[in-house]
Amino acid sequence: MIIIPGPASQILGIKVAKLINAEIVQVKFKNFPDGEHYIKIENGKTIKNQEVILIQSTYSPQDNNLMELLMILDGLKSLLPRSIILIVPYLCYSRQDKRFLKGEPLTAEIVCKIIEKIGEPLLKKFLTVDIHSEKVLDYFSKKIEVKNLSAMPLFGKYFKILNLKDPCVIAPDEGALNRSKIVADFINADCNCLTKKRDLNTGEISIQMKDLSIKTRDVIFIDDIISTGGTMARAIKMAKNQGANNIYAVCTHPLLIQNAKYRILQAGAKEIIATDCIPSECSKISVAPLLADFLTK
């Protein structure tokens, strides 16, 4: 088994390779003066007739990382591996899976179809972690085995060793409630969700806390993605005003754009805890064991 850590997932790829004792094949990458990418897979002779795992996340700059993923896939095929497993810990454009307004594209579908087209016929499996909507994976054909892995057990284990005070886990909306319940079950905590409404034209979000007493309790807010952190910050302020004790902001994918980290901590969060699907200062939990466990089953 061979692992290729893409430019956006170098450290994560190496961690997974060490856990499953796989050979690492590196990718040479650079940009030309005009901004175009150059990719070359090193030590290509070792790849022929082997199962190859490519790990490449597609966080910001999304288009650059997605393009590099596609280029590596195409270059990899030319080296004639037996099969390819593609792991994209964070799949870009997965939130653009619906047409809310006329004239909008289904960008999530476009991304999935391009990946499949470039990877065929050697791309056999596609893995991601806590995708925003699992319906996105339906855009792949039945020719490819797709899997969405959950990082929630990793968060559950993380919080289990902390001495939390009467904790409760709160999801950002009802759609994320099942995800949050996994963490809540690990630490024997209450679980609830916010009610959230988005204006389709302005993008403004209003939130309310459901009927739940959080006074003097430790509160864990969990989301799949923290982007600007606006919703998370408002939820944290609301919890502070209701007398919550320590408040944790948790996510699988820490995009953390536009001073999101500052905004969340200023709102009153004790800590921001995320995975390394997207490398950041807040990536305190690695998904490497999660990926390794799946690959060795």
Foldseek 3Di string as FASTA:
>chain_A
DEEEEFPQGVVLRVLLCVVQVHHYWYWDWDADPVGHIDIDTPPLQVQAQAEYEYEFEQFPVNVVSLVSLLVVLLNNVVSHYQAYEYEHAHDPPLVQQDDPDPPDDRVLLVSQVSSDVSNPPRYAEYEYEPRVDPVSVVSHDPSHHYYYHYCLVVLLVVCQPPPFFQEEEEEADPVCQVSRVSSCVSNVHHYYYWHWDADPPPRDIDIDGDPDQQAQGEYEYEDAEQACQPSVLVVLLVSVVSHHDAYEYEHAYYNHPDVNVVSNVVSPHPAYAYDVSRDDPRRPTYCSVVVSVVVVD
